[in-house]
């Protein structure tokens, strides 16, 4: 659920930034720019889905260490 909220926030901030910079008016008048943005936006989740399906079962994400012993019994690791 947190990933959904973060993804939505990133999408909204991108839209606000393009309007603030003035690109929003250009995109509004250009059907090609809208189509290109839509296609790129659609390809990202498809690529992530393909990557998730191709990952072998039980494979860990890079950069994450497996907690063992006393560390594992203390709940989620905290950063900070």
N, C-alpha and C. Protein backbone atom coordinates (compact mmCIF):
# COMPACT_ATOMS: atom_id res chain seq x y z
N UNK A 1 0.82 -1.18 0.00
CA UNK A 1 0.00 0.00 0.00
C UNK A 1 0.87 1.26 0.00
N UNK A 2 1.96 1.22 0.73
CA UNK A 2 2.85 2.38 0.78
C UNK A 2 3.42 2.65 -0.61
N UNK A 3 3.75 1.60 -1.36
CA UNK A 3 4.29 1.80 -2.70
C UNK A 3 3.27 2.50 -3.60
N UNK A 4 2.01 2.19 -3.42
CA UNK A 4 0.97 2.84 -4.21
C UNK A 4 0.90 4.32 -3.90
N UNK A 5 0.96 4.65 -2.64
CA UNK A 5 0.91 6.06 -2.23
C UNK A 5 2.12 6.81 -2.75
N UNK A 6 3.30 6.20 -2.64
CA UNK A 6 4.52 6.84 -3.12
C UNK A 6 4.47 7.01 -4.64
N UNK A 7 4.02 5.99 -5.34
CA UNK A 7 3.91 6.08 -6.80
C UNK A 7 2.95 7.17 -7.23
N UNK A 8 1.84 7.28 -6.54
CA UNK A 8 0.87 8.33 -6.85
C UNK A 8 1.46 9.71 -6.58
N UNK A 9 2.18 9.84 -5.49
CA UNK A 9 2.80 11.12 -5.16
C UNK A 9 3.85 11.51 -6.20
N UNK A 10 4.61 10.55 -6.67
CA UNK A 10 5.62 10.84 -7.70
C UNK A 10 4.94 11.27 -8.99
N UNK A 11 3.88 10.59 -9.37
CA UNK A 11 3.16 10.96 -10.58
C UNK A 11 2.57 12.35 -10.50
N UNK A 12 1.99 12.67 -9.35
CA UNK A 12 1.40 14.00 -9.18
C UNK A 12 2.48 15.08 -9.17
N UNK A 13 3.61 14.81 -8.53
CA UNK A 13 4.67 15.82 -8.49
C UNK A 13 5.25 16.05 -9.88
N UNK A 14 5.31 15.02 -10.70
CA UNK A 14 5.78 15.18 -12.08
C UNK A 14 4.84 16.09 -12.85
N UNK A 15 3.56 15.89 -12.68
CA UNK A 15 2.58 16.70 -13.38
C UNK A 15 2.64 18.16 -12.93
N UNK A 16 2.75 18.37 -11.64
CA UNK A 16 2.84 19.74 -11.11
C UNK A 16 4.11 20.42 -11.61
N UNK A 17 5.21 19.68 -11.65
CA UNK A 17 6.47 20.25 -12.13
C UNK A 17 6.39 20.65 -13.59
N UNK A 18 5.80 19.81 -14.43
CA UNK A 18 5.71 20.15 -15.85
C UNK A 18 4.84 21.38 -16.07
N UNK A 19 3.78 21.52 -15.32
CA UNK A 19 2.93 22.70 -15.46
C UNK A 19 3.66 23.93 -14.96
N UNK A 20 4.38 23.80 -13.85
CA UNK A 20 5.11 24.95 -13.29
C UNK A 20 6.21 25.42 -14.23
N UNK A 21 6.86 24.50 -14.92
CA UNK A 21 7.94 24.86 -15.84
C UNK A 21 7.38 25.42 -17.14
N UNK A 22 6.15 25.12 -17.45
CA UNK A 22 5.54 25.64 -18.67
C UNK A 22 5.41 24.60 -19.76
N UNK A 23 5.83 23.38 -19.47
CA UNK A 23 5.74 22.32 -20.46
C UNK A 23 4.30 21.84 -20.59
N UNK A 24 3.50 22.07 -19.57
CA UNK A 24 2.11 21.62 -19.59
C UNK A 24 1.34 22.18 -20.77
N UNK A 25 1.56 23.44 -21.12
CA UNK A 25 0.86 24.05 -22.26
C UNK A 25 1.30 23.41 -23.57
N UNK A 26 2.59 23.08 -23.69
CA UNK A 26 3.09 22.44 -24.91
C UNK A 26 2.49 21.05 -25.05
N UNK A 27 2.48 20.31 -23.96
CA UNK A 27 1.94 18.95 -24.00
C UNK A 27 0.44 18.98 -24.29
N UNK A 28 -0.25 19.97 -23.77
CA UNK A 28 -1.69 20.07 -24.00
C UNK A 28 -2.00 20.24 -25.48
N UNK A 29 -1.14 20.92 -26.21
CA UNK A 29 -1.39 21.18 -27.64
C UNK A 29 -0.82 20.10 -28.54
N UNK A 30 -0.01 19.22 -28.02
CA UNK A 30 0.66 18.22 -28.86
C UNK A 30 0.15 16.82 -28.55
N UNK A 31 -0.58 16.26 -29.49
CA UNK A 31 -1.10 14.90 -29.32
C UNK A 31 0.05 13.90 -29.28
N UNK A 32 1.11 14.15 -30.02
CA UNK A 32 2.25 13.24 -30.04
C UNK A 32 2.93 13.19 -28.67
N UNK A 33 3.09 14.33 -28.03
CA UNK A 33 3.71 14.37 -26.70
C UNK A 33 2.86 13.63 -25.67
N UNK A 34 1.56 13.79 -25.75
CA UNK A 34 0.66 13.09 -24.82
C UNK A 34 0.74 11.59 -25.04
N UNK A 35 0.74 11.17 -26.30
CA UNK A 35 0.83 9.75 -26.62
C UNK A 35 2.16 9.17 -26.14
N UNK A 36 3.25 9.89 -26.37
CA UNK A 36 4.57 9.41 -25.94
C UNK A 36 4.63 9.29 -24.42
N UNK A 37 4.12 10.27 -23.71
CA UNK A 37 4.10 10.22 -22.25
C UNK A 37 3.26 9.06 -21.73
N UNK A 38 2.14 8.83 -22.38
CA UNK A 38 1.27 7.72 -21.98
C UNK A 38 1.95 6.38 -22.21
N UNK A 39 2.61 6.22 -23.35
CA UNK A 39 3.28 4.96 -23.65
C UNK A 39 4.43 4.69 -22.68
N UNK A 40 5.21 5.71 -22.39
CA UNK A 40 6.31 5.55 -21.43
C UNK A 40 5.74 5.19 -20.06
N UNK A 41 4.68 5.87 -19.67
CA UNK A 41 4.06 5.58 -18.38
C UNK A 41 3.48 4.18 -18.31
N UNK A 42 3.03 3.65 -19.44
CA UNK A 42 2.48 2.29 -19.47
C UNK A 42 3.57 1.24 -19.50
N UNK A 43 4.72 1.56 -20.07
CA UNK A 43 5.80 0.58 -20.18
C UNK A 43 6.51 0.33 -18.85
N UNK A 44 6.51 1.30 -17.98
CA UNK A 44 7.21 1.13 -16.69
C UNK A 44 6.61 -0.02 -15.87
N UNK A 45 5.29 -0.05 -15.62
CA UNK A 45 4.77 -1.18 -14.83
C UNK A 45 4.89 -2.52 -15.57
N UNK A 46 4.83 -2.49 -16.90
CA UNK A 46 5.00 -3.73 -17.65
C UNK A 46 6.42 -4.27 -17.44
N UNK A 47 7.42 -3.39 -17.54
CA UNK A 47 8.80 -3.80 -17.33
C UNK A 47 9.01 -4.32 -15.91
N UNK A 48 8.42 -3.66 -14.92
CA UNK A 48 8.55 -4.12 -13.54
C UNK A 48 7.88 -5.48 -13.34
N UNK A 49 6.74 -5.68 -14.00
CA UNK A 49 6.05 -6.96 -13.92
C UNK A 49 6.85 -8.09 -14.54
N UNK A 50 7.45 -7.82 -15.69
CA UNK A 50 8.29 -8.83 -16.34
C UNK A 50 9.48 -9.18 -15.47
N UNK A 51 10.09 -8.16 -14.87
CA UNK A 51 11.23 -8.40 -13.99
C UNK A 51 10.82 -9.24 -12.78
N UNK A 52 9.64 -8.98 -12.24
CA UNK A 52 9.17 -9.74 -11.08
C UNK A 52 8.87 -11.19 -11.44
N UNK A 53 8.33 -11.42 -12.62
CA UNK A 53 7.99 -12.78 -13.05
C UNK A 53 9.27 -13.57 -13.34
N UNK A 54 10.27 -12.91 -13.89
CA UNK A 54 11.50 -13.60 -14.25
C UNK A 54 12.39 -13.88 -13.05
N UNK A 55 12.16 -13.22 -11.93
CA UNK A 55 12.97 -13.43 -10.73
C UNK A 55 12.66 -14.83 -10.19
N UNK A 56 13.70 -15.60 -9.90
CA UNK A 56 13.45 -16.94 -9.38
C UNK A 56 12.75 -16.89 -8.02
N UNK A 57 11.91 -17.88 -7.72
CA UNK A 57 11.22 -17.90 -6.42
C UNK A 57 12.23 -17.91 -5.28
N UNK A 58 11.97 -17.11 -4.28
CA UNK A 58 12.83 -17.05 -3.12
C UNK A 58 14.04 -16.16 -3.29
N UNK A 59 14.21 -15.56 -4.47
CA UNK A 59 15.36 -14.68 -4.69
C UNK A 59 15.19 -13.40 -3.90
N UNK A 60 16.28 -12.95 -3.29
CA UNK A 60 16.23 -11.71 -2.54
C UNK A 60 16.58 -10.55 -3.44
N UNK A 61 16.10 -9.38 -3.05
CA UNK A 61 16.45 -8.17 -3.78
C UNK A 61 17.89 -7.78 -3.47
N UNK A 62 18.60 -7.23 -4.45
CA UNK A 62 19.98 -6.83 -4.19
C UNK A 62 20.05 -5.74 -3.12
N UNK A 63 21.09 -5.79 -2.32
CA UNK A 63 21.28 -4.78 -1.30
C UNK A 63 20.63 -5.09 0.03
N UNK A 64 19.88 -6.15 0.10
CA UNK A 64 19.23 -6.52 1.35
C UNK A 64 19.98 -7.67 1.98
N UNK A 65 20.23 -7.56 3.27
CA UNK A 65 20.90 -8.65 3.95
C UNK A 65 19.88 -9.46 4.73
N UNK A 66 20.12 -10.71 4.84
CA UNK A 66 19.23 -11.58 5.60
C UNK A 66 19.59 -11.47 7.06
N UNK A 67 18.59 -11.21 7.89
CA UNK A 67 18.82 -11.08 9.33
C UNK A 67 18.68 -12.45 9.97
N UNK A 68 19.62 -12.75 10.83
CA UNK A 68 19.60 -14.04 11.50
C UNK A 68 19.77 -13.85 12.99
N UNK A 69 19.50 -14.88 13.73
CA UNK A 69 19.72 -14.87 15.17
C UNK A 69 18.86 -13.85 15.89
N UNK A 70 19.49 -13.12 16.81
CA UNK A 70 18.77 -12.15 17.65
C UNK A 70 18.18 -11.02 16.81
N UNK A 71 18.85 -10.63 15.71
CA UNK A 71 18.33 -9.55 14.87
C UNK A 71 16.97 -9.90 14.28
N UNK A 72 16.79 -11.14 13.87
CA UNK A 72 15.55 -11.54 13.21
C UNK A 72 14.36 -11.54 14.16
N UNK A 73 14.60 -11.75 15.44
CA UNK A 73 13.49 -11.82 16.39
C UNK A 73 13.04 -10.45 16.88
N UNK A 74 13.72 -9.40 16.51
CA UNK A 74 13.40 -8.07 17.00
C UNK A 74 12.46 -7.30 16.08
N UNK A 75 11.94 -7.92 15.05
CA UNK A 75 11.02 -7.23 14.17
C UNK A 75 11.76 -6.53 13.03
N UNK A 76 11.06 -5.65 12.29
CA UNK A 76 11.65 -5.00 11.14
C UNK A 76 12.86 -4.15 11.51
N UNK A 77 13.83 -4.13 10.60
CA UNK A 77 15.04 -3.32 10.83
C UNK A 77 14.68 -1.85 10.65
N UNK A 78 15.27 -1.01 11.44
CA UNK A 78 15.02 0.43 11.33
C UNK A 78 16.26 1.11 10.80
N UNK A 79 16.01 2.06 9.92
CA UNK A 79 17.12 2.84 9.38
C UNK A 79 17.08 4.22 9.98
N UNK A 80 18.23 4.81 10.09
CA UNK A 80 18.16 6.17 10.54
C UNK A 80 19.28 6.53 11.38
